Structure formats: structure tokens, C-alpha cells
N, C-alpha and C. Protein backbone atom coordinates (compact mmCIF):
# COMPACT_ATOMS: atom_id res chain seq x y z
N UNK A 1 -119.70 174.94 -59.24
CA UNK A 1 -120.08 175.02 -57.84
C UNK A 1 -118.81 175.15 -57.01
N UNK A 2 -118.78 176.07 -56.05
CA UNK A 2 -117.60 176.22 -55.20
C UNK A 2 -117.32 174.94 -54.41
N UNK A 3 -116.07 174.74 -54.07
CA UNK A 3 -115.64 173.53 -53.37
C UNK A 3 -116.40 173.33 -52.05
N UNK A 4 -116.59 174.40 -51.27
CA UNK A 4 -117.31 174.31 -49.99
C UNK A 4 -118.73 173.81 -50.18
N UNK A 5 -119.37 174.20 -51.28
CA UNK A 5 -120.73 173.74 -51.57
C UNK A 5 -120.78 172.26 -51.86
N UNK A 6 -119.77 171.73 -52.56
CA UNK A 6 -119.72 170.29 -52.86
C UNK A 6 -119.51 169.48 -51.58
N UNK A 7 -118.66 169.96 -50.73
CA UNK A 7 -118.41 169.25 -49.46
C UNK A 7 -119.66 169.25 -48.62
N UNK A 8 -120.31 170.38 -48.53
CA UNK A 8 -121.55 170.48 -47.76
C UNK A 8 -122.61 169.55 -48.33
N UNK A 9 -122.75 169.52 -49.64
CA UNK A 9 -123.73 168.64 -50.29
C UNK A 9 -123.41 167.17 -50.01
N UNK A 10 -122.12 166.83 -50.06
CA UNK A 10 -121.68 165.47 -49.77
C UNK A 10 -122.08 165.06 -48.35
N UNK A 11 -121.79 165.91 -47.37
CA UNK A 11 -122.12 165.60 -45.98
C UNK A 11 -123.63 165.56 -45.77
N UNK A 12 -124.36 166.39 -46.45
CA UNK A 12 -125.82 166.38 -46.31
C UNK A 12 -126.42 165.07 -46.82
N UNK A 13 -125.75 164.39 -47.74
CA UNK A 13 -126.23 163.09 -48.23
C UNK A 13 -125.71 161.95 -47.36
N UNK A 14 -124.48 162.03 -46.89
CA UNK A 14 -123.85 160.93 -46.16
C UNK A 14 -124.31 160.84 -44.71
N UNK A 15 -124.37 161.95 -44.01
CA UNK A 15 -124.68 161.94 -42.58
C UNK A 15 -126.03 161.28 -42.29
N UNK A 16 -127.11 161.61 -42.98
CA UNK A 16 -128.37 160.92 -42.69
C UNK A 16 -128.29 159.40 -42.90
N UNK A 17 -127.53 158.98 -43.89
CA UNK A 17 -127.35 157.54 -44.13
C UNK A 17 -126.62 156.86 -42.99
N UNK A 18 -125.57 157.51 -42.51
CA UNK A 18 -124.80 156.96 -41.39
C UNK A 18 -125.67 156.90 -40.14
N UNK A 19 -126.41 157.96 -39.86
CA UNK A 19 -127.29 157.97 -38.68
C UNK A 19 -128.38 156.91 -38.79
N UNK A 20 -128.93 156.72 -39.98
CA UNK A 20 -129.94 155.68 -40.19
C UNK A 20 -129.36 154.30 -39.93
N UNK A 21 -128.15 154.06 -40.44
CA UNK A 21 -127.49 152.78 -40.24
C UNK A 21 -127.26 152.51 -38.75
N UNK A 22 -126.80 153.51 -38.01
CA UNK A 22 -126.57 153.36 -36.57
C UNK A 22 -127.89 153.08 -35.85
N UNK A 23 -128.95 153.77 -36.22
CA UNK A 23 -130.25 153.54 -35.59
C UNK A 23 -130.75 152.13 -35.86
N UNK A 24 -130.59 151.64 -37.07
CA UNK A 24 -131.01 150.27 -37.41
C UNK A 24 -130.18 149.26 -36.64
N UNK A 25 -128.87 149.46 -36.59
CA UNK A 25 -127.98 148.56 -35.84
C UNK A 25 -128.36 148.53 -34.37
N UNK A 26 -128.64 149.68 -33.79
CA UNK A 26 -129.02 149.75 -32.38
C UNK A 26 -130.34 149.04 -32.13
N UNK A 27 -131.33 149.24 -32.99
CA UNK A 27 -132.63 148.56 -32.85
C UNK A 27 -132.44 147.05 -32.97
N UNK A 28 -131.63 146.60 -33.92
CA UNK A 28 -131.37 145.17 -34.07
C UNK A 28 -130.69 144.61 -32.83
N UNK A 29 -129.77 145.37 -32.25
CA UNK A 29 -129.07 144.92 -31.04
C UNK A 29 -130.05 144.75 -29.89
N UNK A 30 -130.95 145.69 -29.73
CA UNK A 30 -131.92 145.59 -28.64
C UNK A 30 -132.85 144.40 -28.83
N UNK A 31 -133.31 144.17 -30.05
CA UNK A 31 -134.18 143.02 -30.33
C UNK A 31 -133.42 141.71 -30.13
N UNK A 32 -132.21 141.66 -30.66
CA UNK A 32 -131.42 140.43 -30.57
C UNK A 32 -131.00 140.10 -29.15
N UNK A 33 -130.94 141.07 -28.29
CA UNK A 33 -130.49 140.81 -26.92
C UNK A 33 -131.46 139.92 -26.16
N UNK A 34 -132.61 139.66 -26.72
CA UNK A 34 -133.61 138.83 -26.04
C UNK A 34 -133.65 137.40 -26.57
N UNK A 35 -132.69 136.97 -27.41
CA UNK A 35 -132.70 135.62 -27.94
C UNK A 35 -131.59 134.78 -27.33
N UNK A 36 -131.73 133.46 -27.39
CA UNK A 36 -130.76 132.57 -26.75
C UNK A 36 -129.39 132.61 -27.41
N UNK A 37 -129.29 132.92 -28.69
CA UNK A 37 -127.96 132.96 -29.31
C UNK A 37 -127.19 134.22 -28.94
N UNK A 38 -127.87 135.18 -28.36
CA UNK A 38 -127.19 136.42 -27.96
C UNK A 38 -127.10 136.52 -26.44
N UNK A 39 -127.16 135.38 -25.76
CA UNK A 39 -127.11 135.37 -24.30
C UNK A 39 -126.25 134.20 -23.84
N UNK A 40 -125.43 134.46 -22.82
CA UNK A 40 -124.66 133.39 -22.19
C UNK A 40 -124.45 133.75 -20.73
N UNK A 41 -124.63 132.77 -19.88
CA UNK A 41 -124.46 132.98 -18.44
C UNK A 41 -123.29 132.14 -17.95
N UNK A 42 -122.47 132.74 -17.10
CA UNK A 42 -121.37 132.05 -16.43
C UNK A 42 -121.63 132.07 -14.94
N UNK A 43 -121.31 130.98 -14.26
CA UNK A 43 -121.46 130.97 -12.80
C UNK A 43 -120.40 130.05 -12.21
N UNK A 44 -119.68 130.58 -11.22
CA UNK A 44 -118.69 129.80 -10.49
C UNK A 44 -118.94 130.01 -9.00
N UNK A 45 -118.44 129.10 -8.21
CA UNK A 45 -118.61 129.26 -6.75
C UNK A 45 -117.47 128.60 -6.01
N UNK A 46 -117.31 129.04 -4.77
CA UNK A 46 -116.29 128.49 -3.90
C UNK A 46 -116.79 128.57 -2.45
N UNK A 47 -116.45 127.58 -1.65
CA UNK A 47 -116.75 127.60 -0.22
C UNK A 47 -115.55 128.25 0.48
N UNK A 48 -115.84 129.22 1.33
CA UNK A 48 -114.79 129.93 2.07
C UNK A 48 -115.06 129.74 3.56
N UNK A 49 -114.05 129.29 4.28
CA UNK A 49 -114.17 129.07 5.71
C UNK A 49 -113.85 130.36 6.45
N UNK A 50 -114.87 131.21 6.51
CA UNK A 50 -114.76 132.49 7.19
C UNK A 50 -116.16 133.08 7.29
N UNK A 51 -116.26 134.26 7.87
CA UNK A 51 -117.55 134.92 8.01
C UNK A 51 -117.89 135.70 6.74
N UNK A 52 -119.17 135.97 6.57
CA UNK A 52 -119.62 136.80 5.44
C UNK A 52 -119.01 138.20 5.56
N UNK A 53 -118.88 138.70 6.79
CA UNK A 53 -118.31 140.04 7.00
C UNK A 53 -116.87 140.11 6.51
N UNK A 54 -116.10 139.08 6.79
CA UNK A 54 -114.69 139.05 6.38
C UNK A 54 -114.56 138.95 4.85
N UNK A 55 -115.38 138.10 4.24
CA UNK A 55 -115.36 137.95 2.78
C UNK A 55 -115.76 139.28 2.13
N UNK A 56 -116.81 139.91 2.66
CA UNK A 56 -117.27 141.19 2.12
C UNK A 56 -116.17 142.25 2.22
N UNK A 57 -115.49 142.28 3.34
CA UNK A 57 -114.43 143.27 3.55
C UNK A 57 -113.35 143.14 2.48
N UNK A 58 -112.91 141.93 2.19
CA UNK A 58 -111.87 141.73 1.17
C UNK A 58 -112.41 141.98 -0.23
N UNK A 59 -113.64 141.55 -0.48
CA UNK A 59 -114.24 141.71 -1.81
C UNK A 59 -114.42 143.17 -2.18
N UNK A 60 -114.70 144.01 -1.21
CA UNK A 60 -114.95 145.43 -1.49
C UNK A 60 -113.74 146.33 -1.21
N UNK A 61 -112.61 145.74 -0.84
CA UNK A 61 -111.38 146.51 -0.65
C UNK A 61 -110.65 146.58 -2.00
N UNK A 62 -111.17 147.41 -2.89
CA UNK A 62 -110.66 147.49 -4.26
C UNK A 62 -109.20 147.92 -4.33
N UNK A 63 -108.77 148.73 -3.37
CA UNK A 63 -107.37 149.19 -3.39
C UNK A 63 -106.39 148.02 -3.26
N UNK A 64 -106.80 146.93 -2.61
CA UNK A 64 -105.92 145.79 -2.41
C UNK A 64 -105.94 144.80 -3.58
N UNK A 65 -106.84 144.96 -4.54
CA UNK A 65 -106.96 144.00 -5.65
C UNK A 65 -105.64 143.72 -6.36
N UNK A 66 -104.80 144.72 -6.66
CA UNK A 66 -103.55 144.41 -7.36
C UNK A 66 -102.64 143.44 -6.60
N UNK A 67 -102.80 143.37 -5.27
CA UNK A 67 -101.96 142.51 -4.45
C UNK A 67 -102.33 141.03 -4.57
N UNK A 68 -103.61 140.74 -4.86
CA UNK A 68 -104.02 139.34 -4.81
C UNK A 68 -104.92 138.88 -5.96
N UNK A 69 -105.59 139.78 -6.66
CA UNK A 69 -106.64 139.39 -7.59
C UNK A 69 -106.06 139.16 -9.00
N UNK A 70 -106.08 137.91 -9.50
CA UNK A 70 -105.54 137.63 -10.83
C UNK A 70 -106.48 138.02 -11.97
N UNK A 71 -107.72 138.33 -11.67
CA UNK A 71 -108.73 138.63 -12.69
C UNK A 71 -109.01 140.12 -12.78
N UNK A 72 -109.53 140.69 -11.70
CA UNK A 72 -109.82 142.13 -11.68
C UNK A 72 -108.62 142.81 -11.03
N UNK A 73 -107.82 143.45 -11.86
CA UNK A 73 -106.55 143.98 -11.39
C UNK A 73 -106.64 145.37 -10.77
N UNK A 74 -107.65 146.15 -11.21
CA UNK A 74 -107.74 147.51 -10.69
C UNK A 74 -109.19 147.98 -10.76
N UNK A 75 -109.64 148.60 -9.67
CA UNK A 75 -110.99 149.18 -9.62
C UNK A 75 -110.87 150.56 -9.01
N UNK A 76 -111.45 151.55 -9.68
CA UNK A 76 -111.52 152.89 -9.11
C UNK A 76 -112.96 153.37 -9.21
N UNK A 77 -113.31 154.25 -8.31
CA UNK A 77 -114.65 154.82 -8.28
C UNK A 77 -115.25 154.70 -6.90
N UNK A 78 -116.41 155.29 -6.75
CA UNK A 78 -117.14 155.29 -5.48
C UNK A 78 -118.05 154.07 -5.43
N UNK A 79 -118.03 153.38 -4.30
CA UNK A 79 -118.87 152.20 -4.13
C UNK A 79 -120.23 152.64 -3.61
N UNK A 80 -121.21 152.67 -4.50
CA UNK A 80 -122.57 153.06 -4.14
C UNK A 80 -123.50 152.76 -5.30
N UNK A 81 -124.74 152.42 -5.00
CA UNK A 81 -125.70 152.14 -6.07
C UNK A 81 -125.82 153.34 -6.99
N UNK A 82 -125.81 153.05 -8.29
CA UNK A 82 -125.89 154.09 -9.30
C UNK A 82 -124.56 154.72 -9.66
N UNK A 83 -123.50 154.40 -8.92
CA UNK A 83 -122.17 154.97 -9.20
C UNK A 83 -121.49 154.17 -10.31
N UNK A 84 -120.61 154.84 -11.02
CA UNK A 84 -119.85 154.22 -12.11
C UNK A 84 -118.44 153.89 -11.62
N UNK A 85 -118.01 152.67 -11.88
CA UNK A 85 -116.66 152.24 -11.56
C UNK A 85 -115.83 152.19 -12.84
N UNK A 86 -114.53 152.18 -12.67
CA UNK A 86 -113.62 151.91 -13.78
C UNK A 86 -112.87 150.64 -13.39
N UNK A 87 -113.01 149.60 -14.21
CA UNK A 87 -112.46 148.29 -13.87
C UNK A 87 -111.52 147.81 -14.96
N UNK A 88 -110.33 147.38 -14.54
CA UNK A 88 -109.39 146.77 -15.46
C UNK A 88 -109.31 145.28 -15.11
N UNK A 89 -109.56 144.45 -16.09
CA UNK A 89 -109.54 143.00 -15.83
C UNK A 89 -108.67 142.27 -16.84
N UNK A 90 -108.23 141.08 -16.43
CA UNK A 90 -107.43 140.21 -17.27
C UNK A 90 -108.18 138.90 -17.42
N UNK A 91 -108.43 138.50 -18.66
CA UNK A 91 -109.04 137.20 -18.95
C UNK A 91 -108.17 136.54 -20.00
N UNK A 92 -107.53 135.44 -19.65
CA UNK A 92 -106.57 134.83 -20.57
C UNK A 92 -105.42 135.79 -20.77
N UNK A 93 -105.09 136.07 -22.02
CA UNK A 93 -104.01 137.02 -22.29
C UNK A 93 -104.54 138.39 -22.70
N UNK A 94 -105.81 138.65 -22.41
CA UNK A 94 -106.43 139.93 -22.75
C UNK A 94 -106.55 140.82 -21.52
N UNK A 95 -106.34 142.10 -21.71
CA UNK A 95 -106.60 143.09 -20.68
C UNK A 95 -107.69 144.02 -21.21
N UNK A 96 -108.74 144.21 -20.42
CA UNK A 96 -109.85 145.05 -20.84
C UNK A 96 -110.18 146.04 -19.73
N UNK A 97 -110.62 147.22 -20.13
CA UNK A 97 -111.08 148.22 -19.18
C UNK A 97 -112.50 148.58 -19.56
N UNK A 98 -113.38 148.62 -18.57
CA UNK A 98 -114.76 149.01 -18.82
C UNK A 98 -115.27 149.81 -17.64
N UNK A 99 -116.44 150.44 -17.83
CA UNK A 99 -116.98 151.38 -16.83
C UNK A 99 -118.42 150.99 -16.49
N UNK A 100 -118.60 149.98 -15.66
CA UNK A 100 -119.96 149.57 -15.30
C UNK A 100 -120.60 150.47 -14.26
N UNK A 101 -121.91 150.37 -14.16
CA UNK A 101 -122.69 151.08 -13.14
C UNK A 101 -123.11 150.06 -12.08
N UNK A 102 -122.94 150.43 -10.82
CA UNK A 102 -123.33 149.53 -9.73
C UNK A 102 -124.85 149.49 -9.63
N UNK A 103 -125.40 148.27 -9.71
CA UNK A 103 -126.85 148.08 -9.61
C UNK A 103 -127.30 147.78 -8.20
N UNK A 104 -126.48 147.04 -7.44
CA UNK A 104 -126.88 146.66 -6.08
C UNK A 104 -125.66 146.50 -5.19
N UNK A 105 -125.81 146.99 -3.96
CA UNK A 105 -124.83 146.75 -2.90
C UNK A 105 -125.62 146.39 -1.66
N UNK A 106 -125.45 145.16 -1.23
CA UNK A 106 -126.08 144.69 0.01
C UNK A 106 -124.94 144.15 0.87
N UNK A 107 -124.47 144.96 1.83
CA UNK A 107 -123.30 144.56 2.62
C UNK A 107 -123.40 143.13 3.15
N UNK A 108 -122.28 142.42 2.98
CA UNK A 108 -122.12 141.03 3.41
C UNK A 108 -123.03 140.07 2.64
N UNK A 109 -123.61 140.54 1.53
CA UNK A 109 -124.55 139.69 0.78
C UNK A 109 -124.37 139.76 -0.74
N UNK A 110 -124.35 140.98 -1.34
CA UNK A 110 -124.33 141.07 -2.80
C UNK A 110 -123.69 142.36 -3.30
N UNK A 111 -122.92 142.21 -4.38
CA UNK A 111 -122.39 143.33 -5.16
C UNK A 111 -122.67 142.99 -6.61
N UNK A 112 -123.36 143.92 -7.32
CA UNK A 112 -123.77 143.64 -8.71
C UNK A 112 -123.62 144.91 -9.54
N UNK A 113 -123.08 144.75 -10.78
CA UNK A 113 -122.93 145.88 -11.68
C UNK A 113 -123.28 145.47 -13.11
N UNK A 114 -123.50 146.49 -13.95
CA UNK A 114 -123.83 146.28 -15.35
C UNK A 114 -122.90 147.11 -16.21
N UNK A 115 -122.26 146.44 -17.18
CA UNK A 115 -121.38 147.13 -18.10
C UNK A 115 -121.80 146.89 -19.54
N UNK A 116 -121.39 147.79 -20.42
CA UNK A 116 -121.71 147.70 -21.85
C UNK A 116 -120.44 147.91 -22.66
N UNK A 117 -120.40 147.28 -23.83
CA UNK A 117 -119.37 147.58 -24.81
C UNK A 117 -119.99 148.57 -25.80
N UNK A 118 -119.46 149.76 -25.84
CA UNK A 118 -119.94 150.85 -26.69
C UNK A 118 -121.36 151.26 -26.32
N UNK A 119 -122.37 150.63 -26.91
CA UNK A 119 -123.76 151.00 -26.62
C UNK A 119 -124.52 149.76 -26.15
N UNK A 120 -125.56 149.93 -25.35
CA UNK A 120 -126.33 148.77 -24.89
C UNK A 120 -126.84 147.93 -26.06
N UNK A 121 -126.76 146.60 -25.86
CA UNK A 121 -127.26 145.67 -26.88
C UNK A 121 -126.18 145.06 -27.74
N UNK A 122 -124.99 145.64 -27.73
CA UNK A 122 -123.89 145.08 -28.51
C UNK A 122 -123.22 143.95 -27.73
N UNK A 123 -122.80 144.24 -26.50
CA UNK A 123 -122.18 143.25 -25.62
C UNK A 123 -122.30 143.79 -24.20
N UNK A 124 -123.30 143.31 -23.47
CA UNK A 124 -123.59 143.78 -22.12
C UNK A 124 -123.27 142.65 -21.14
N UNK A 125 -122.82 143.02 -19.96
CA UNK A 125 -122.55 142.04 -18.93
C UNK A 125 -123.05 142.51 -17.58
N UNK A 126 -123.90 141.69 -16.96
CA UNK A 126 -124.34 141.96 -15.59
C UNK A 126 -123.60 140.99 -14.68
N UNK A 127 -122.69 141.54 -13.89
CA UNK A 127 -121.78 140.76 -13.04
C UNK A 127 -122.26 140.81 -11.60
N UNK A 128 -122.16 139.68 -10.91
CA UNK A 128 -122.54 139.70 -9.49
C UNK A 128 -121.64 138.81 -8.65
N UNK A 129 -121.51 139.23 -7.41
CA UNK A 129 -120.89 138.45 -6.35
C UNK A 129 -121.96 138.29 -5.29
N UNK A 130 -122.29 137.06 -4.95
CA UNK A 130 -123.29 136.80 -3.91
C UNK A 130 -122.62 135.96 -2.83
N UNK A 131 -122.77 136.39 -1.59
CA UNK A 131 -122.23 135.67 -0.44
C UNK A 131 -123.39 135.00 0.28
N UNK A 132 -123.34 133.67 0.35
CA UNK A 132 -124.41 132.90 0.99
C UNK A 132 -123.88 132.26 2.28
N UNK A 133 -124.37 132.69 3.46
CA UNK A 133 -123.95 132.05 4.71
C UNK A 133 -124.38 130.58 4.73
N UNK A 134 -123.46 129.70 5.18
CA UNK A 134 -123.75 128.27 5.23
C UNK A 134 -123.71 127.73 6.66
N UNK A 135 -123.63 128.60 7.61
CA UNK A 135 -123.51 128.16 9.00
C UNK A 135 -122.31 128.82 9.62
N UNK A 136 -122.00 128.43 10.82
CA UNK A 136 -120.92 129.05 11.59
C UNK A 136 -119.59 129.01 10.86
N UNK A 137 -119.09 130.19 10.50
CA UNK A 137 -117.75 130.30 9.92
C UNK A 137 -117.58 129.75 8.52
N UNK A 138 -118.66 129.72 7.73
CA UNK A 138 -118.54 129.15 6.39
C UNK A 138 -119.54 129.84 5.47
N UNK A 139 -119.08 130.25 4.28
CA UNK A 139 -119.96 130.88 3.29
C UNK A 139 -119.67 130.30 1.91
N UNK A 140 -120.63 130.49 1.04
CA UNK A 140 -120.45 130.17 -0.38
C UNK A 140 -120.39 131.51 -1.12
N UNK A 141 -119.34 131.71 -1.91
CA UNK A 141 -119.25 132.87 -2.79
C UNK A 141 -119.64 132.41 -4.19
N UNK A 142 -120.66 133.04 -4.75
CA UNK A 142 -121.08 132.76 -6.12
C UNK A 142 -120.74 133.98 -6.96
N UNK A 143 -119.89 133.78 -7.95
CA UNK A 143 -119.55 134.84 -8.89
C UNK A 143 -120.18 134.47 -10.23
N UNK A 144 -120.98 135.37 -10.77
CA UNK A 144 -121.65 135.06 -12.03
C UNK A 144 -121.74 136.29 -12.91
N UNK A 145 -122.00 136.04 -14.18
CA UNK A 145 -122.22 137.12 -15.12
C UNK A 145 -123.12 136.60 -16.24
N UNK A 146 -124.09 137.43 -16.59
CA UNK A 146 -124.95 137.14 -17.73
C UNK A 146 -124.60 138.13 -18.82
N UNK A 147 -124.22 137.59 -19.96
CA UNK A 147 -123.85 138.40 -21.11
C UNK A 147 -124.99 138.41 -22.11
N UNK A 148 -125.29 139.57 -22.67
CA UNK A 148 -126.33 139.73 -23.69
C UNK A 148 -125.81 140.62 -24.79
N UNK A 149 -126.28 140.38 -26.02
CA UNK A 149 -125.96 141.28 -27.12
C UNK A 149 -125.53 140.57 -28.38
N UNK A 150 -125.44 141.34 -29.44
CA UNK A 150 -125.10 140.81 -30.76
C UNK A 150 -123.76 140.09 -30.81
N UNK A 151 -122.77 140.56 -30.07
CA UNK A 151 -121.44 139.97 -30.16
C UNK A 151 -121.24 138.73 -29.28
N UNK A 152 -122.20 138.41 -28.44
CA UNK A 152 -122.03 137.26 -27.53
C UNK A 152 -121.79 135.97 -28.30
N UNK A 153 -122.53 135.77 -29.37
CA UNK A 153 -122.39 134.53 -30.13
C UNK A 153 -121.01 134.37 -30.76
N UNK A 154 -120.24 135.45 -30.87
CA UNK A 154 -118.91 135.40 -31.45
C UNK A 154 -117.81 135.47 -30.39
N UNK A 155 -118.18 135.36 -29.13
CA UNK A 155 -117.24 135.60 -28.03
C UNK A 155 -116.92 134.36 -27.22
N UNK A 156 -117.10 133.18 -27.79
CA UNK A 156 -116.87 131.93 -27.05
C UNK A 156 -115.52 131.84 -26.37
N UNK A 157 -114.41 132.01 -27.09
CA UNK A 157 -113.09 131.90 -26.42
C UNK A 157 -112.89 132.94 -25.32
N UNK A 158 -113.34 134.17 -25.54
CA UNK A 158 -113.23 135.21 -24.51
C UNK A 158 -114.03 134.82 -23.27
N UNK A 159 -115.24 134.31 -23.47
CA UNK A 159 -116.07 133.95 -22.32
C UNK A 159 -115.54 132.71 -21.61
N UNK A 160 -114.92 131.79 -22.35
CA UNK A 160 -114.27 130.64 -21.71
C UNK A 160 -113.12 131.11 -20.82
N UNK A 161 -112.31 132.05 -21.33
CA UNK A 161 -111.22 132.63 -20.53
C UNK A 161 -111.78 133.37 -19.31
N UNK A 162 -112.90 134.05 -19.50
CA UNK A 162 -113.52 134.79 -18.40
C UNK A 162 -113.96 133.83 -17.31
N UNK A 163 -114.55 132.71 -17.67
CA UNK A 163 -114.99 131.73 -16.66
C UNK A 163 -113.79 131.17 -15.89
N UNK A 164 -112.70 130.87 -16.59
CA UNK A 164 -111.49 130.42 -15.90
C UNK A 164 -110.98 131.50 -14.94
N UNK A 165 -111.06 132.75 -15.37
CA UNK A 165 -110.61 133.86 -14.53
C UNK A 165 -111.49 134.03 -13.30
N UNK A 166 -112.79 133.78 -13.44
CA UNK A 166 -113.68 133.80 -12.27
C UNK A 166 -113.17 132.80 -11.24
N UNK A 167 -112.88 131.58 -11.69
CA UNK A 167 -112.41 130.54 -10.77
C UNK A 167 -111.09 130.91 -10.12
N UNK A 168 -110.18 131.50 -10.89
CA UNK A 168 -108.90 131.92 -10.31
C UNK A 168 -109.10 133.00 -9.25
N UNK A 169 -110.00 133.93 -9.52
CA UNK A 169 -110.28 134.98 -8.53
C UNK A 169 -110.92 134.38 -7.28
N UNK A 170 -111.89 133.49 -7.48
CA UNK A 170 -112.55 132.85 -6.33
C UNK A 170 -111.53 132.17 -5.42
N UNK A 171 -110.62 131.42 -6.02
CA UNK A 171 -109.61 130.70 -5.23
C UNK A 171 -108.64 131.66 -4.54
N UNK A 172 -108.27 132.73 -5.23
CA UNK A 172 -107.37 133.72 -4.62
C UNK A 172 -108.05 134.43 -3.46
N UNK A 173 -109.32 134.74 -3.60
CA UNK A 173 -110.07 135.38 -2.51
C UNK A 173 -110.20 134.41 -1.33
N UNK A 174 -110.49 133.16 -1.61
CA UNK A 174 -110.59 132.15 -0.55
C UNK A 174 -109.28 132.07 0.23
N UNK A 175 -108.17 131.99 -0.49
CA UNK A 175 -106.86 131.90 0.16
C UNK A 175 -106.59 133.14 1.00
N UNK A 176 -106.85 134.30 0.47
CA UNK A 176 -106.60 135.56 1.19
C UNK A 176 -107.44 135.65 2.47
N UNK A 177 -108.72 135.33 2.35
CA UNK A 177 -109.62 135.44 3.51
C UNK A 177 -109.27 134.39 4.56
N UNK A 178 -109.05 133.15 4.12
CA UNK A 178 -108.79 132.09 5.10
C UNK A 178 -107.45 132.26 5.80
N UNK A 179 -106.47 132.82 5.11
CA UNK A 179 -105.17 133.08 5.77
C UNK A 179 -105.28 134.20 6.79
N UNK A 180 -106.17 135.16 6.54
CA UNK A 180 -106.33 136.28 7.47
C UNK A 180 -107.22 135.93 8.66
N UNK A 181 -108.02 134.88 8.54
CA UNK A 181 -108.98 134.53 9.62
C UNK A 181 -108.29 133.84 10.76
């Protein structure tokens, strides 16, 4: 048999197996994403002595993030529902870049996006910033993320670093907004 025929025969046997394996892995990821061992939620908050408008302005001024934000170092993209951002973040000693899609933008109230690692169901994160008015000149910023997927159960140290980074960002935003007010 000519060499080209053997290679073709080899690929004809291997490719369907690889595709089947990927399909099974993807189905398992989707099923597993609905169980408690594949889900973890983080939530942090801070009281900021300023208006919701001022907090929103700083939170959505992505170009200024490198100047003050210890967690999310760089954001590029158009701010609009359904738009994809490119985000570079630091959690502990790790730097990660991901491309989430914006799910909600409610000025002076909420910014929420959803990101995936590779394909949905492996490691997904729905991140949100919620600004809650508490009265004259005072708001609560709640930063949270719900992680789902097969790799969540193996990501304890990364998620612990992420929670610490949420708190660092919250405090840096508080300081920036309160100094400008």
C-alpha cells in the first residue's frame, strides 16, 4: 500500500475517535456544571463614601485600570451588552487573560460578564459588580463571581487568590473614588 494511503487510513480511524472523545468530554462538562462540586461562588463588598455615579464612572473607566487596579490590570473592548472584552487580571502570582461577553450593563447599578476557559462547562465564571445606594453619599459595592465547570473542584488555591484580589480591588476603588470626591 502506498505511504499516502496508510496515512489516510490512520487518520480515518483516529479522527472519529478524537471527535467522539471531545463530544463525550463536552457532554460531561455540561452535566457536571449543575452539581455542587463543580460550583463555587465568591462575594466581597465594600462601603464607599461617594455617589453611585462617581463609583460607576471609575469602575467603567477601563483605560485608567493600570493606574490603580491591582486585580484587573487591563481591559479592552466596547462596553455594551453582548460585546466581548479582553481582560488581563492578576490573582496571587498568576496573570491570566480571558475574553468574556458582557451580559448586563445598568449604569450606576450593575456590570456583569461571562467568561469561559476553552469551551463552556470546563471552567466558566460569571462576574458582577453591583452598586447599591445606601443613602446620601454612600454606596455598597458588591463584587462577586460564580464559577461552574469540571475544573472548579481542582481550583481551590486559584479561587482563594481570586477572592483576595477582589478585596484588594474593592479597597483600591474605594480609595480612588473617595480621594476624588
